[in-house]
C-alpha atoms as a PDB file:
ATOM      1  CA  MET A   1      88.741 112.614  63.521  1.00  0.00           C
ATOM      2  CA  GLU A   2      85.709 110.341  63.733  1.00  0.00           C
ATOM      3  CA  VAL A   3      84.464 109.655  67.243  1.00  0.00           C
ATOM      4  CA  ASN A   4      82.561 106.445  68.082  1.00  0.00           C
ATOM      5  CA  GLN A   5      81.400 106.248  71.692  1.00  0.00           C
ATOM      6  CA  PRO A   6      81.117 102.821  73.397  1.00  0.00           C
ATOM      7  CA  VAL A   7      77.536 101.779  74.013  1.00  0.00           C
ATOM      8  CA  SER A   8      77.946  99.452  77.018  1.00  0.00           C
ATOM      9  CA  ASP A   9      80.037  99.033  80.192  1.00  0.00           C
ATOM     10  CA  GLU A  10      81.460  95.812  78.828  1.00  0.00           C
ATOM     11  CA  GLU A  11      82.710  97.545  75.649  1.00  0.00           C
ATOM     12  CA  ILE A  12      84.213 100.335  77.743  1.00  0.00           C
ATOM     13  CA  ALA A  13      86.141  97.871  79.957  1.00  0.00           C
ATOM     14  CA  GLU A  14      87.356  95.926  76.920  1.00  0.00           C
ATOM     15  CA  LEU A  15      88.527  99.020  75.045  1.00  0.00           C
ATOM     16  CA  VAL A  16      90.178 100.663  78.058  1.00  0.00           C
ATOM     17  CA  ALA A  17      92.392  97.624  78.743  1.00  0.00           C
ATOM     18  CA  PRO A  18      91.829  94.780  76.344  1.00  0.00           C
ATOM     19  CA  ASP A  19      94.680  92.630  77.704  1.00  0.00           C
ATOM     20  CA  ARG A  20      94.327  93.348  81.379  1.00  0.00           C
ATOM     21  CA  ASP A  21      93.160  90.925  84.049  1.00  0.00           C
ATOM     22  CA  ILE A  22      90.116  92.450  85.698  1.00  0.00           C
ATOM     23  CA  ALA A  23      89.646  92.582  89.496  1.00  0.00           C
ATOM     24  CA  VAL A  24      93.209  91.477  90.358  1.00  0.00           C
ATOM     25  CA  ALA A  25      93.327  90.481  94.027  1.00  0.00           C
ATOM     26  CA  VAL A  26      95.808  92.019  96.468  1.00  0.00           C
ATOM     27  CA  GLY A  27      98.856  89.786  96.216  1.00  0.00           C
ATOM     28  CA  GLU A  28     102.612  89.668  96.016  1.00  0.00           C
ATOM     29  CA  PRO A  29     104.715  92.865  95.810  1.00  0.00           C
ATOM     30  CA  LEU A  30     104.541  94.527  92.375  1.00  0.00           C
ATOM     31  CA  VAL A  31     107.013  97.322  93.230  1.00  0.00           C
ATOM     32  CA  GLU A  32     109.669  97.257  95.972  1.00  0.00           C
ATOM     33  CA  LEU A  33     111.658 100.189  97.261  1.00  0.00           C
ATOM     34  CA  THR A  34     114.690  99.224  99.299  1.00  0.00           C
ATOM     35  CA  GLU A  35     116.809 101.686 101.309  1.00  0.00           C
ATOM     36  CA  LEU A  36     115.819 104.364  98.772  1.00  0.00           C
ATOM     37  CA  THR A  37     117.806 107.556  99.354  1.00  0.00           C
ATOM     38  CA  VAL A  38     117.737 110.836  97.406  1.00  0.00           C
ATOM     39  CA  GLN A  39     120.194 113.608  98.248  1.00  0.00           C
ATOM     40  CA  PHE A  40     120.541 117.089  96.833  1.00  0.00           C
ATOM     41  CA  GLY A  41     123.988 118.331  97.794  1.00  0.00           C
ATOM     42  CA  GLY A  42     124.020 118.260 101.615  1.00  0.00           C
ATOM     43  CA  LEU A  43     120.234 117.835 101.864  1.00  0.00           C
ATOM     44  CA  THR A  44     118.724 114.366 102.263  1.00  0.00           C
ATOM     45  CA  ALA A  45     115.193 114.468 100.858  1.00  0.00           C
ATOM     46  CA  LEU A  46     114.607 110.730 101.132  1.00  0.00           C
ATOM     47  CA  ASP A  47     116.503 108.734 103.775  1.00  0.00           C
ATOM     48  CA  HIS A  48     116.764 104.929 103.372  1.00  0.00           C
ATOM     49  CA  VAL A  49     113.066 104.392 102.725  1.00  0.00           C
ATOM     50  CA  THR A  50     111.899 100.833 102.344  1.00  0.00           C
ATOM     51  CA  PHE A  51     108.347  99.663 101.458  1.00  0.00           C
ATOM     52  CA  ASP A  52     106.497  97.672  98.860  1.00  0.00           C
ATOM     53  CA  ILE A  53     103.381  98.134  96.778  1.00  0.00           C
ATOM     54  CA  LYS A  54     101.344  94.982  96.495  1.00  0.00           C
ATOM     55  CA  ARG A  55      99.648  94.015  93.239  1.00  0.00           C
ATOM     56  CA  GLY A  56      96.048  95.075  93.222  1.00  0.00           C
ATOM     57  CA  GLU A  57      96.081  97.416  96.186  1.00  0.00           C
ATOM     58  CA  ILE A  58      95.525 101.115  96.759  1.00  0.00           C
ATOM     59  CA  LEU A  59      98.520 102.330  98.777  1.00  0.00           C
ATOM     60  CA  GLY A  60      98.479 105.787 100.342  1.00  0.00           C
ATOM     61  CA  LEU A  61     101.707 107.759 100.769  1.00  0.00           C
ATOM     62  CA  ILE A  62     101.201 110.577 103.259  1.00  0.00           C
ATOM     63  CA  GLY A  63     103.173 112.987 105.437  1.00  0.00           C
ATOM     64  CA  PRO A  64     103.526 116.690 106.148  1.00  0.00           C
ATOM     65  CA  ASN A  65     104.865 119.165 103.555  1.00  0.00           C
ATOM     66  CA  GLY A  66     108.501 118.403 102.888  1.00  0.00           C
ATOM     67  CA  ALA A  67     108.271 114.823 104.054  1.00  0.00           C
ATOM     68  CA  GLY A  68     109.612 113.447 100.750  1.00  0.00           C
ATOM     69  CA  LYS A  69     106.442 112.102  99.120  1.00  0.00           C
ATOM     70  CA  THR A  70     106.834 113.704  95.723  1.00  0.00           C
ATOM     71  CA  THR A  71     110.589 113.043  95.830  1.00  0.00           C
ATOM     72  CA  CYS A  72     109.703 109.411  96.249  1.00  0.00           C
ATOM     73  CA  PHE A  73     107.381 109.557  93.232  1.00  0.00           C
ATOM     74  CA  ASN A  74     110.096 111.256  91.215  1.00  0.00           C
ATOM     75  CA  ALA A  75     112.700 108.665  92.130  1.00  0.00           C
ATOM     76  CA  MET A  76     110.346 105.885  91.117  1.00  0.00           C
ATOM     77  CA  THR A  77     109.413 107.468  87.785  1.00  0.00           C
ATOM     78  CA  GLY A  78     112.895 108.482  86.568  1.00  0.00           C
ATOM     79  CA  VAL A  79     112.723 112.234  87.306  1.00  0.00           C
ATOM     80  CA  TYR A  80     115.430 111.860  89.994  1.00  0.00           C
ATOM     81  CA  LYS A  81     118.210 109.298  90.138  1.00  0.00           C
ATOM     82  CA  PRO A  82     118.456 107.797  93.635  1.00  0.00           C
ATOM     83  CA  SER A  83     121.704 108.405  95.552  1.00  0.00           C
ATOM     84  CA  HIS A  84     121.352 105.018  97.122  1.00  0.00           C
ATOM     85  CA  GLY A  85     118.974 102.044  97.210  1.00  0.00           C
ATOM     86  CA  THR A  86     116.818 100.279  94.644  1.00  0.00           C
ATOM     87  CA  VAL A  87     113.399 100.450  93.003  1.00  0.00           C
ATOM     88  CA  THR A  88     112.256  97.234  91.339  1.00  0.00           C
ATOM     89  CA  MET A  89     109.091  96.248  89.489  1.00  0.00           C
ATOM     90  CA  GLU A  90     108.395  92.523  89.285  1.00  0.00           C
ATOM     91  CA  GLY A  91     112.044  91.972  90.279  1.00  0.00           C
ATOM     92  CA  LYS A  92     113.529  94.188  87.561  1.00  0.00           C
ATOM     93  CA  SER A  93     115.353  97.430  88.480  1.00  0.00           C
ATOM     94  CA  LEU A  94     113.918 100.739  87.404  1.00  0.00           C
ATOM     95  CA  VAL A  95     116.924 102.753  88.661  1.00  0.00           C
ATOM     96  CA  GLY A  96     118.795 104.490  85.866  1.00  0.00           C
ATOM     97  CA  LYS A  97     116.136 103.904  83.224  1.00  0.00           C
ATOM     98  CA  LYS A  98     114.855 106.758  81.092  1.00  0.00           C
ATOM     99  CA  LYS A  99     111.360 108.082  81.885  1.00  0.00           C
ATOM    100  CA  HIS A 100     109.920 106.630  78.672  1.00  0.00           C
ATOM    101  CA  ALA A 101     111.406 103.215  79.529  1.00  0.00           C
ATOM    102  CA  ILE A 102     109.830 103.336  83.011  1.00  0.00           C
ATOM    103  CA  THR A 103     106.526 104.191  81.369  1.00  0.00           C
ATOM    104  CA  ARG A 104     106.874 101.187  79.070  1.00  0.00           C
ATOM    105  CA  ALA A 105     107.741  99.044  82.056  1.00  0.00           C
ATOM    106  CA  GLY A 106     104.326  99.840  83.469  1.00  0.00           C
ATOM    107  CA  VAL A 107     104.530 102.962  85.696  1.00  0.00           C
ATOM    108  CA  ALA A 108     102.322 105.978  84.996  1.00  0.00           C
ATOM    109  CA  ARG A 109     101.759 109.123  87.015  1.00  0.00           C
ATOM    110  CA  THR A 110      99.870 112.355  87.308  1.00  0.00           C
ATOM    111  CA  PHE A 111     101.341 115.566  88.734  1.00  0.00           C
ATOM    112  CA  GLN A 112     100.490 118.104  91.452  1.00  0.00           C
ATOM    113  CA  ASN A 113     100.395 120.776  88.761  1.00  0.00           C
ATOM    114  CA  ILE A 114      98.278 119.599  85.808  1.00  0.00           C
ATOM    115  CA  ARG A 115     100.362 119.020  82.670  1.00  0.00           C
ATOM    116  CA  LEU A 116      98.053 118.791  79.683  1.00  0.00           C
ATOM    117  CA  PHE A 117      98.445 119.957  76.081  1.00  0.00           C
ATOM    118  CA  GLY A 118      96.168 122.969  76.321  1.00  0.00           C
ATOM    119  CA  GLU A 119      95.497 123.447  72.605  1.00  0.00           C
ATOM    120  CA  MET A 120      94.772 119.773  72.043  1.00  0.00           C
ATOM    121  CA  THR A 121      91.289 118.333  72.575  1.00  0.00           C
ATOM    122  CA  ALA A 122      90.627 116.004  75.453  1.00  0.00           C
ATOM    123  CA  LEU A 123      90.625 113.018  73.080  1.00  0.00           C
ATOM    124  CA  GLU A 124      93.926 114.070  71.522  1.00  0.00           C
ATOM    125  CA  ASN A 125      95.534 114.314  74.954  1.00  0.00           C
ATOM    126  CA  VAL A 126      94.538 110.722  75.683  1.00  0.00           C
ATOM    127  CA  VAL A 127      95.735 109.555  72.272  1.00  0.00           C
ATOM    128  CA  VAL A 128      99.150 110.985  73.109  1.00  0.00           C
ATOM    129  CA  GLY A 129      99.259 108.616  76.098  1.00  0.00           C
ATOM    130  CA  LEU A 130      98.236 105.700  73.877  1.00  0.00           C
ATOM    131  CA  ASP A 131     101.209 106.410  71.597  1.00  0.00           C
ATOM    132  CA  ALA A 132     103.480 104.948  74.332  1.00  0.00           C
ATOM    133  CA  ARG A 133     102.290 101.476  73.319  1.00  0.00           C
ATOM    134  CA  HIS A 134     102.257 101.890  69.557  1.00  0.00           C
ATOM    135  CA  ARG A 135     104.626  99.977  67.338  1.00  0.00           C
ATOM    136  CA  THR A 136     104.398 102.045  64.165  1.00  0.00           C
ATOM    137  CA  SER A 137     107.733 103.511  63.048  1.00  0.00           C
ATOM    138  CA  VAL A 138     108.180 107.127  61.982  1.00  0.00           C
ATOM    139  CA  PRO A 139     108.207 106.165  58.267  1.00  0.00           C
ATOM    140  CA  GLY A 140     105.111 104.083  58.869  1.00  0.00           C
ATOM    141  CA  ALA A 141     103.305 107.099  60.286  1.00  0.00           C
ATOM    142  CA  ILE A 142     104.500 109.361  57.447  1.00  0.00           C
ATOM    143  CA  PHE A 143     103.373 106.944  54.737  1.00  0.00           C
ATOM    144  CA  ARG A 144     100.266 105.842  56.655  1.00  0.00           C
ATOM    145  CA  THR A 145     100.872 102.132  56.497  1.00  0.00           C
ATOM    146  CA  PRO A 146      98.030  99.691  57.275  1.00  0.00           C
ATOM    147  CA  ARG A 147      99.487  99.196  60.783  1.00  0.00           C
ATOM    148  CA  HIS A 148      99.523 102.938  61.390  1.00  0.00           C
ATOM    149  CA  ILE A 149      95.926 103.333  60.186  1.00  0.00           C
ATOM    150  CA  ARG A 150      94.793 100.427  62.338  1.00  0.00           C
ATOM    151  CA  GLU A 151      96.550 101.785  65.444  1.00  0.00           C
ATOM    152  CA  GLU A 152      95.129 105.277  64.801  1.00  0.00           C
ATOM    153  CA  ARG A 153      91.593 103.853  64.644  1.00  0.00           C
ATOM    154  CA  GLU A 154      92.126 101.728  67.739  1.00  0.00           C
ATOM    155  CA  SER A 155      93.513 104.789  69.588  1.00  0.00           C
ATOM    156  CA  ILE A 156      90.393 106.798  68.920  1.00  0.00           C
ATOM    157  CA  ASP A 157      88.180 103.946  70.171  1.00  0.00           C
ATOM    158  CA  ARG A 158      90.280 103.388  73.293  1.00  0.00           C
ATOM    159  CA  GLY A 159      90.672 107.130  73.911  1.00  0.00           C
ATOM    160  CA  MET A 160      86.894 107.530  73.886  1.00  0.00           C
ATOM    161  CA  ALA A 161      86.513 104.546  76.188  1.00  0.00           C
ATOM    162  CA  LEU A 162      88.945 106.097  78.650  1.00  0.00           C
ATOM    163  CA  LEU A 163      87.134 109.423  78.585  1.00  0.00           C
ATOM    164  CA  GLU A 164      83.889 107.547  79.214  1.00  0.00           C
ATOM    165  CA  PHE A 165      85.602 105.680  82.084  1.00  0.00           C
ATOM    166  CA  VAL A 166      86.596 108.927  83.831  1.00  0.00           C
ATOM    167  CA  GLY A 167      83.269 110.567  83.121  1.00  0.00           C
ATOM    168  CA  ILE A 168      84.078 113.225  80.560  1.00  0.00           C
ATOM    169  CA  ALA A 169      83.343 111.635  77.180  1.00  0.00           C
ATOM    170  CA  ASP A 170      81.048 114.496  76.311  1.00  0.00           C
ATOM    171  CA  LYS A 171      84.107 116.813  76.348  1.00  0.00           C
ATOM    172  CA  ALA A 172      86.119 114.731  73.881  1.00  0.00           C
ATOM    173  CA  THR A 173      86.355 117.478  71.220  1.00  0.00           C
ATOM    174  CA  SER A 174      86.874 120.349  73.689  1.00  0.00           C
ATOM    175  CA  PRO A 175      90.364 121.901  74.026  1.00  0.00           C
ATOM    176  CA  SER A 176      91.768 120.712  77.369  1.00  0.00           C
ATOM    177  CA  ARG A 177      92.500 124.313  78.454  1.00  0.00           C
ATOM    178  CA  SER A 178      88.812 125.095  78.279  1.00  0.00           C
ATOM    179  CA  LEU A 179      87.754 122.279  80.595  1.00  0.00           C
ATOM    180  CA  PRO A 180      86.753 122.930  84.204  1.00  0.00           C
ATOM    181  CA  TYR A 181      89.527 122.239  86.674  1.00  0.00           C
ATOM    182  CA  GLY A 182      88.025 118.981  87.960  1.00  0.00           C
ATOM    183  CA  TYR A 183      87.628 117.702  84.380  1.00  0.00           C
ATOM    184  CA  GLN A 184      91.250 118.521  83.673  1.00  0.00           C
ATOM    185  CA  ARG A 185      92.256 116.340  86.647  1.00  0.00           C
ATOM    186  CA  ARG A 186      90.106 113.506  85.293  1.00  0.00           C
ATOM    187  CA  LEU A 187      91.642 113.921  81.860  1.00  0.00           C
ATOM    188  CA  GLU A 188      95.127 113.647  83.282  1.00  0.00           C
ATOM    189  CA  ILE A 189      94.140 110.382  84.933  1.00  0.00           C
ATOM    190  CA  ALA A 190      92.710 109.118  81.605  1.00  0.00           C
ATOM    191  CA  ARG A 191      95.947 110.017  79.801  1.00  0.00           C
ATOM    192  CA  ALA A 192      97.993 108.158  82.417  1.00  0.00           C
ATOM    193  CA  LEU A 193      95.724 105.099  82.078  1.00  0.00           C
ATOM    194  CA  ALA A 194      96.220 105.284  78.336  1.00  0.00           C
ATOM    195  CA  THR A 195      99.801 104.014  78.769  1.00  0.00           C
ATOM    196  CA  ASP A 196      98.326 100.784  80.191  1.00  0.00           C
ATOM    197  CA  PRO A 197     100.237 100.901  83.444  1.00  0.00           C
ATOM    198  CA  LYS A 198     100.694  98.198  86.044  1.00  0.00           C
ATOM    199  CA  LEU A 199     101.074 100.910  88.655  1.00  0.00           C
ATOM    200  CA  LEU A 200      99.201 104.246  88.505  1.00  0.00           C
ATOM    201  CA  CYS A 201     100.740 106.960  90.697  1.00  0.00           C
ATOM    202  CA  LEU A 202      98.350 109.806  91.601  1.00  0.00           C
ATOM    203  CA  ASP A 203     100.022 112.919  93.022  1.00  0.00           C
ATOM    204  CA  GLU A 204      97.405 114.919  94.954  1.00  0.00           C
ATOM    205  CA  PRO A 205      94.550 114.215  92.516  1.00  0.00           C
ATOM    206  CA  ALA A 206      91.966 115.923  94.846  1.00  0.00           C
ATOM    207  CA  ALA A 207      93.802 119.250  95.097  1.00  0.00           C
ATOM    208  CA  GLY A 208      91.251 122.012  94.556  1.00  0.00           C
ATOM    209  CA  PHE A 209      88.237 119.720  94.649  1.00  0.00           C
ATOM    210  CA  ASN A 210      85.045 120.413  96.580  1.00  0.00           C
ATOM    211  CA  PRO A 211      83.564 117.714  98.852  1.00  0.00           C
ATOM    212  CA  ALA A 212      81.245 116.372  96.139  1.00  0.00           C
ATOM    213  CA  GLU A 213      84.105 116.119  93.638  1.00  0.00           C
ATOM    214  CA  LYS A 214      86.220 114.311  96.255  1.00  0.00           C
ATOM    215  CA  GLU A 215      83.520 111.709  96.719  1.00  0.00           C
ATOM    216  CA  GLU A 216      83.349 111.207  92.963  1.00  0.00           C
ATOM    217  CA  LEU A 217      87.148 110.871  92.834  1.00  0.00           C
ATOM    218  CA  MET A 218      87.158 108.230  95.602  1.00  0.00           C
ATOM    219  CA  GLU A 219      84.642 106.228  93.539  1.00  0.00           C
ATOM    220  CA  LEU A 220      86.781 106.596  90.399  1.00  0.00           C
ATOM    221  CA  ILE A 221      89.926 105.427  92.230  1.00  0.00           C
ATOM    222  CA  ARG A 222      88.049 102.383  93.519  1.00  0.00           C
ATOM    223  CA  GLN A 223      86.839 101.600  90.024  1.00  0.00           C
ATOM    224  CA  ILE A 224      90.351 101.933  88.668  1.00  0.00           C
ATOM    225  CA  ARG A 225      91.511  99.308  91.165  1.00  0.00           C
ATOM    226  CA  THR A 226      88.517  97.080  90.400  1.00  0.00           C
ATOM    227  CA  ASP A 227      89.527  97.118  86.726  1.00  0.00           C
ATOM    228  CA  GLY A 228      92.870  95.578  87.623  1.00  0.00           C
ATOM    229  CA  TYR A 229      95.231  98.501  88.261  1.00  0.00           C
ATOM    230  CA  THR A 230      97.464  98.992  91.283  1.00  0.00           C
ATOM    231  CA  VAL A 231      97.333 102.560  92.698  1.00  0.00           C
ATOM    232  CA  LEU A 232      99.841 104.618  94.648  1.00  0.00           C
ATOM    233  CA  LEU A 233      98.234 107.745  96.036  1.00  0.00           C
ATOM    234  CA  ILE A 234      99.737 110.913  97.479  1.00  0.00           C
ATOM    235  CA  GLU A 235      97.036 113.036  99.044  1.00  0.00           C
ATOM    236  CA  HIS A 236      96.663 115.599 101.839  1.00  0.00           C
ATOM    237  CA  ASP A 237      92.914 115.085 102.299  1.00  0.00           C
ATOM    238  CA  MET A 238      92.823 112.560 105.114  1.00  0.00           C
ATOM    239  CA  LYS A 239      89.157 111.724 104.695  1.00  0.00           C
ATOM    240  CA  LEU A 240      89.840 110.656 101.135  1.00  0.00           C
ATOM    241  CA  VAL A 241      93.033 108.754 102.032  1.00  0.00           C
ATOM    242  CA  MET A 242      91.382 106.885 104.949  1.00  0.00           C
ATOM    243  CA  GLY A 243      88.295 106.194 102.829  1.00  0.00           C
ATOM    244  CA  VAL A 244      89.909 104.757  99.740  1.00  0.00           C
ATOM    245  CA  THR A 245      93.276 103.106 100.660  1.00  0.00           C
ATOM    246  CA  ASP A 246      94.028  99.524 101.726  1.00  0.00           C
ATOM    247  CA  ARG A 247      97.295 100.485 103.390  1.00  0.00           C
ATOM    248  CA  ILE A 248      99.236 103.683 104.178  1.00  0.00           C
ATOM    249  CA  VAL A 249     102.916 104.506 104.336  1.00  0.00           C
ATOM    250  CA  VAL A 250     103.783 107.645 106.342  1.00  0.00           C
ATOM    251  CA  LEU A 251     106.946 109.746 105.753  1.00  0.00           C
ATOM    252  CA  GLU A 252     108.366 112.473 107.958  1.00  0.00           C
ATOM    253  CA  PHE A 253     111.558 114.406 107.139  1.00  0.00           C
ATOM    254  CA  GLY A 254     112.337 111.881 104.402  1.00  0.00           C
ATOM    255  CA  ARG A 255     112.047 108.828 106.658  1.00  0.00           C
ATOM    256  CA  LYS A 256     109.348 106.201 106.924  1.00  0.00           C
ATOM    257  CA  ILE A 257     107.646 106.315 110.301  1.00  0.00           C
ATOM    258  CA  ALA A 258     104.694 104.019 109.760  1.00  0.00           C
ATOM    259  CA  ASP A 259     103.302 101.355 107.377  1.00  0.00           C
ATOM    260  CA  ASP A 260      99.923  99.886 108.248  1.00  0.00           C
ATOM    261  CA  ILE A 261      96.210  99.702 107.468  1.00  0.00           C
ATOM    262  CA  PRO A 262      94.269 103.004 107.783  1.00  0.00           C
ATOM    263  CA  THR A 263      92.635 102.247 111.156  1.00  0.00           C
ATOM    264  CA  LYS A 264      96.047 101.493 112.718  1.00  0.00           C
ATOM    265  CA  ILE A 265      97.615 104.590 111.124  1.00  0.00           C
ATOM    266  CA  GLN A 266      94.932 106.772 112.697  1.00  0.00           C
ATOM    267  CA  GLN A 267      95.899 105.417 116.121  1.00  0.00           C
ATOM    268  CA  ASP A 268      99.678 105.462 115.654  1.00  0.00           C
ATOM    269  CA  PRO A 269     101.248 107.924 118.176  1.00  0.00           C
ATOM    270  CA  ALA A 270     104.123 108.791 115.846  1.00  0.00           C
ATOM    271  CA  VAL A 271     101.728 109.587 112.999  1.00  0.00           C
ATOM    272  CA  ILE A 272      99.409 111.611 115.257  1.00  0.00           C
ATOM    273  CA  ALA A 273     102.371 113.672 116.477  1.00  0.00           C
ATOM    274  CA  ALA A 274     103.752 114.165 112.942  1.00  0.00           C
ATOM    275  CA  TYR A 275     100.666 114.734 110.851  1.00  0.00           C
ATOM    276  CA  LEU A 276      97.243 113.897 112.205  1.00  0.00           C
ATOM    277  CA  GLY A 277      97.376 115.617 115.563  1.00  0.00           C
ATOM    278  CA  VAL A 278      94.967 118.521 115.046  1.00  0.00           C
ATOM    279  CA  GLU A 279      91.340 117.841 114.142  1.00  0.00           C
ATOM    280  CA  ASP A 280      90.372 119.321 110.781  1.00  0.00           C
ATOM    281  CA  ASP A 281      86.778 120.629 110.837  1.00  0.00           C
ATOM    282  CA  ASP A 282      86.435 119.984 107.066  1.00  0.00           C
ATOM    283  CA  ASP A 283      87.722 116.447 107.053  1.00  0.00           C
ATOM    284  CA  GLY A 284      86.749 115.320 110.558  1.00  0.00           C
ATOM    285  CA  VAL A 285      89.982 113.317 111.017  1.00  0.00           C
ATOM    286  CA  ALA A 286      92.037 113.698 114.149  1.00  0.00           C
END
């Protein structure tokens, strides 16, 4: 497949998201969770959780292990069906929709455990994500109709732009399994962005990163928001969370115990008792 790299930042931005409003200000709720409850038999993993995600913000979702953070992600993205409550995006319910329909509605996510197609190149992995927005039918792909050829060409251009955006364009033709761990994390973010989401959900994207890589990730997340995306972030690294988010929701034992700006969260007695109580020498956050 022919690879044409963008030659300017403006071209990269245009190819990554040609129809997206850039630098969307924090505004009205994009996604609203109301009394969201997830039960597994007699175990309540998420207990009547209510919060919203405002358009254009970076929202952190934190809590100790077992607090319900990933369960919340899974309920939002169609992996789990809530036992009670609602999840709406722009006023339309996501509950009961198939995962592909939720993706088309504008929700994309990464995973704690990287899920790439190891034998595919980095570019091919991103093109898979771009397929979520294609309109070519199966017969159209088989017979290579003009629409299919056009979409294929556009996918390569946009795929390269996304790889450039996350900083790994030079690895476009490398099999994803051969990439360093940090590059695989960036590739997974690029593939999620390829679906052109309104909300990007990042599940522990800094896991396994060294301090320098975490700083680079913080800058990438800020750039993602600057380019018009809303971000929901699960992360255990408190220095990263406090440094990049606009607002933080805290869960404990499946219940919401706090929802505020980072400086207030750091001072919240309930949060300190549940999660932030012991100073971490690496992160420097009490």
